[in-house]
Amino acid sequence: MAKEPPPSPGWRRAVRVGVLSFLLAVVVNWGSNLALHRVHAIIAFLVVLLLIVVNIVFDILGTSVTAAELPPFNAMASKKVPGARQALWLVRNADAVANFCNDVVGDVAGAVTGAAGATVALRLSLVMQGQSWTEQVLNLVIVGVISGLTVGGKAAGKTFAIEKATTAVMAAGRMIYWVEQITGRSFTGGRSVSNGRRRNS
């Protein structure tokens, strides 16, 4: 009897992405709801705006890594420019990075933003001491504002991501570089920073 072929890498990655999305959605949604129920309506709305910005920024990065080309990063990495090696890793793994940024973070942020928007509508309704229809109207308005800002921001962000792909990916590479320097750990498949320091000492 012929052996069954092993599961494809694509199938495994789909499962991992699904599980990661579930965990992120639960944790972020729980944390945001817990925080939003304890703050003023204006602060809660600012949190919603922050989630929208995060969604747009990750969408820009996801688009940039697919539009960027390797030669500029190879040149900068050969000159040991800080962040160039990390940016090179992002472009080489563009498929997985774009999937995480656009799908995982995008979907989770979108779901959490919608739930947070409903919480903001409820908080505003309580502040205004309105009737039940007031909350419904506020909910519709806030959902509309959230959708408009998210879609409009992503549309503008995609234009920037395509035209300035190298700049956007390099900015992300520098950020990862500094995080690796602070934590002493490598998140881009290279030798850990702490190990490198020990060997050089």
Protein backbone atom coordinates (compact mmCIF):
# COMPACT_ATOMS: atom_id res chain seq x y z
CA MET A 1 0.00 0.00 0.00
CA ALA A 2 1.42 3.37 -1.00
CA LYS A 3 2.17 5.81 1.77
CA GLU A 4 0.11 8.95 1.98
CA PRO A 5 2.05 12.08 1.08
CA PRO A 6 2.95 14.34 4.01
CA PRO A 7 0.84 17.46 4.55
CA SER A 8 1.83 20.28 2.26
CA PRO A 9 3.70 23.26 3.75
CA GLY A 10 0.86 25.49 2.53
CA TRP A 11 -1.67 23.47 4.53
CA ARG A 12 0.46 23.66 7.65
CA ARG A 13 0.98 27.38 7.30
CA ALA A 14 -2.76 27.90 6.83
CA VAL A 15 -3.40 26.07 10.11
CA ARG A 16 -0.71 28.09 11.92
CA VAL A 17 -2.08 31.37 10.55
CA GLY A 18 -5.62 30.39 11.55
CA VAL A 19 -4.58 29.50 15.10
CA LEU A 20 -2.48 32.67 15.40
CA SER A 21 -5.37 34.80 14.15
CA PHE A 22 -7.71 33.20 16.68
CA LEU A 23 -5.32 33.77 19.59
CA LEU A 24 -4.55 37.36 18.57
CA ALA A 25 -8.23 38.19 18.11
CA VAL A 26 -9.17 36.77 21.52
CA VAL A 27 -6.30 38.42 23.42
CA VAL A 28 -6.48 41.82 21.71
CA ASN A 29 -10.28 41.93 21.79
CA TRP A 30 -10.36 40.98 25.46
CA GLY A 31 -7.67 43.51 26.36
CA SER A 32 -9.22 46.35 24.36
CA ASN A 33 -12.71 45.73 25.73
CA LEU A 34 -11.37 45.59 29.28
CA ALA A 35 -9.53 48.87 28.78
CA LEU A 36 -12.32 50.65 26.89
CA HIS A 37 -14.91 49.89 29.56
CA ARG A 38 -12.77 51.74 32.12
CA VAL A 39 -11.89 54.93 30.27
CA HIS A 40 -13.68 58.02 29.06
CA ALA A 41 -15.45 57.90 25.69
CA ILE A 42 -12.90 60.27 24.12
CA ILE A 43 -9.98 58.09 25.24
CA ALA A 44 -11.81 55.03 23.94
CA PHE A 45 -12.23 56.70 20.55
CA LEU A 46 -8.51 57.54 20.49
CA VAL A 47 -7.78 53.84 21.11
CA VAL A 48 -9.97 53.00 18.11
CA LEU A 49 -8.04 55.49 15.99
CA LEU A 50 -4.77 53.89 17.15
CA LEU A 51 -6.04 50.46 16.04
CA ILE A 52 -6.91 51.93 12.64
CA VAL A 53 -3.40 53.39 12.30
CA VAL A 54 -1.85 50.02 13.23
CA ASN A 55 -4.02 48.32 10.59
CA ILE A 56 -2.94 50.81 7.92
CA VAL A 57 0.77 50.65 8.83
CA PHE A 58 0.85 46.86 8.65
CA ASP A 59 -1.05 46.96 5.34
CA ILE A 60 1.62 49.31 3.97
CA LEU A 61 4.38 46.95 5.10
CA GLY A 62 2.60 43.91 3.64
CA THR A 63 2.27 45.65 0.28
CA SER A 64 5.81 47.07 0.35
CA VAL A 65 7.57 43.73 0.84
CA THR A 66 5.86 42.35 -2.27
CA ALA A 67 6.72 45.44 -4.33
CA ALA A 68 10.32 45.89 -3.14
CA GLU A 69 13.34 44.49 -5.01
CA LEU A 70 16.35 42.75 -3.50
CA PRO A 71 19.35 44.63 -5.07
CA PRO A 72 19.08 47.83 -2.96
CA PHE A 73 18.95 45.83 0.26
CA ASN A 74 21.78 43.55 -0.84
CA ALA A 75 23.92 46.65 -1.43
CA MET A 76 23.05 48.16 1.95
CA ALA A 77 23.56 44.84 3.74
CA SER A 78 27.03 44.49 2.20
CA LYS A 79 27.86 47.91 3.68
CA LYS A 80 26.46 46.74 7.05
CA VAL A 81 23.83 49.49 7.16
CA PRO A 82 21.76 49.01 10.35
CA GLY A 83 18.45 47.37 9.48
CA ALA A 84 19.46 46.32 5.96
CA ARG A 85 19.85 42.63 6.85
CA GLN A 86 16.44 42.66 8.53
CA ALA A 87 14.87 44.42 5.54
CA LEU A 88 16.48 41.85 3.24
CA TRP A 89 14.91 39.07 5.32
CA LEU A 90 11.48 40.73 5.02
CA VAL A 91 11.72 40.89 1.21
CA ARG A 92 13.01 37.33 0.90
CA ASN A 93 10.04 36.14 2.96
CA ALA A 94 7.59 38.49 1.29
CA ASP A 95 4.86 35.86 0.96
CA ALA A 96 4.75 35.01 4.67
CA VAL A 97 5.27 38.63 5.77
CA ALA A 98 2.49 39.93 3.52
CA ASN A 99 0.17 37.17 4.70
CA PHE A 100 0.81 38.08 8.34
CA CYS A 101 0.58 41.86 7.84
CA ASN A 102 -2.37 42.03 5.45
CA ASP A 103 -4.41 39.02 6.53
CA VAL A 104 -3.62 38.19 10.16
CA VAL A 105 -3.07 41.69 11.53
CA GLY A 106 -5.53 43.27 9.09
CA ASP A 107 -8.41 40.91 9.89
CA VAL A 108 -7.76 40.91 13.63
CA ALA A 109 -7.46 44.71 13.75
CA GLY A 110 -10.61 45.08 11.68
CA ALA A 111 -12.62 42.78 13.93
CA VAL A 112 -11.33 44.37 17.13
CA THR A 113 -11.89 47.88 15.78
CA GLY A 114 -15.53 47.04 14.99
CA ALA A 115 -16.10 45.69 18.50
CA ALA A 116 -14.31 48.67 20.03
CA GLY A 117 -16.43 51.02 17.94
CA ALA A 118 -19.58 49.48 19.37
CA THR A 119 -18.16 49.99 22.87
CA VAL A 120 -17.44 53.65 22.08
CA ALA A 121 -21.01 54.09 20.84
CA LEU A 122 -22.34 52.64 24.09
CA ARG A 123 -20.06 54.90 26.17
CA LEU A 124 -21.12 58.00 24.24
CA SER A 125 -24.78 57.05 24.60
CA LEU A 126 -24.37 56.77 28.37
CA VAL A 127 -22.60 60.13 28.52
CA MET A 128 -25.37 61.77 26.48
CA GLN A 129 -28.02 59.91 28.49
CA GLY A 130 -29.80 59.10 25.26
CA GLN A 131 -32.46 56.54 24.41
CA SER A 132 -31.82 53.17 22.78
CA TRP A 133 -32.13 54.68 19.30
CA THR A 134 -29.32 57.11 20.19
CA GLU A 135 -26.91 54.23 20.69
CA GLN A 136 -27.99 52.68 17.39
CA VAL A 137 -27.44 55.92 15.49
CA LEU A 138 -24.07 56.48 17.16
CA ASN A 139 -23.08 52.90 16.37
CA LEU A 140 -23.91 53.38 12.68
CA VAL A 141 -22.03 56.69 12.52
CA ILE A 142 -18.94 55.32 14.30
CA VAL A 143 -18.87 52.17 12.15
CA GLY A 144 -19.10 54.40 9.07
CA VAL A 145 -16.24 56.59 10.29
CA ILE A 146 -14.10 53.55 11.10
CA SER A 147 -14.74 52.00 7.68
CA GLY A 148 -14.06 55.28 5.87
CA LEU A 149 -10.80 55.92 7.70
CA THR A 150 -9.60 52.33 7.32
CA VAL A 151 -10.43 51.95 3.61
CA GLY A 152 -9.26 55.47 2.74
CA GLY A 153 -6.08 55.07 4.75
CA LYS A 154 -5.28 51.72 3.14
CA ALA A 155 -5.91 53.16 -0.34
CA ALA A 156 -3.48 56.03 0.31
CA GLY A 157 -1.07 53.66 2.02
CA LYS A 158 -0.96 51.25 -0.92
CA THR A 159 0.04 54.07 -3.26
CA PHE A 160 2.88 55.02 -0.91
CA ALA A 161 3.84 51.35 -0.40
CA ILE A 162 4.24 50.76 -4.14
CA GLU A 163 6.03 54.02 -4.94
CA LYS A 164 8.27 54.02 -1.83
CA ALA A 165 8.60 50.28 -1.21
CA THR A 166 12.33 50.43 -0.44
CA THR A 167 11.83 53.27 2.07
CA ALA A 168 8.95 51.53 3.83
CA VAL A 169 10.71 48.16 4.11
CA MET A 170 13.94 49.79 5.26
CA ALA A 171 12.05 51.65 7.99
CA ALA A 172 10.60 48.34 9.18
CA GLY A 173 14.05 46.75 8.99
CA ARG A 174 15.54 49.48 11.18
CA MET A 175 12.76 49.05 13.71
CA ILE A 176 13.36 45.29 13.88
CA TYR A 177 17.10 45.95 14.13
CA TRP A 178 16.66 48.17 17.20
CA VAL A 179 14.27 45.69 18.81
CA GLU A 180 16.89 42.98 18.28
CA GLN A 181 19.55 45.23 19.79
CA ILE A 182 17.42 45.93 22.86
CA THR A 183 16.25 42.35 23.43
CA GLY A 184 19.49 40.67 22.38
CA ARG A 185 17.52 38.21 20.23
CA SER A 186 17.26 37.83 16.47
CA PHE A 187 13.78 37.66 14.96
CA THR A 188 14.93 37.43 11.36
CA GLY A 189 16.75 34.12 11.33
CA GLY A 190 20.25 35.43 11.99
CA ARG A 191 22.65 34.94 14.87
CA SER A 192 21.33 36.38 18.12
CA VAL A 193 22.71 39.75 19.08
CA SER A 194 23.76 38.52 22.51
CA ASN A 195 25.78 35.65 20.99
CA GLY A 196 27.48 38.04 18.62
CA ARG A 197 28.45 40.31 21.51
CA ARG A 198 29.90 37.41 23.50
CA ARG A 199 32.02 36.29 20.57
CA ASN A 200 33.30 39.77 19.94
CA SER A 201 34.17 40.33 23.61
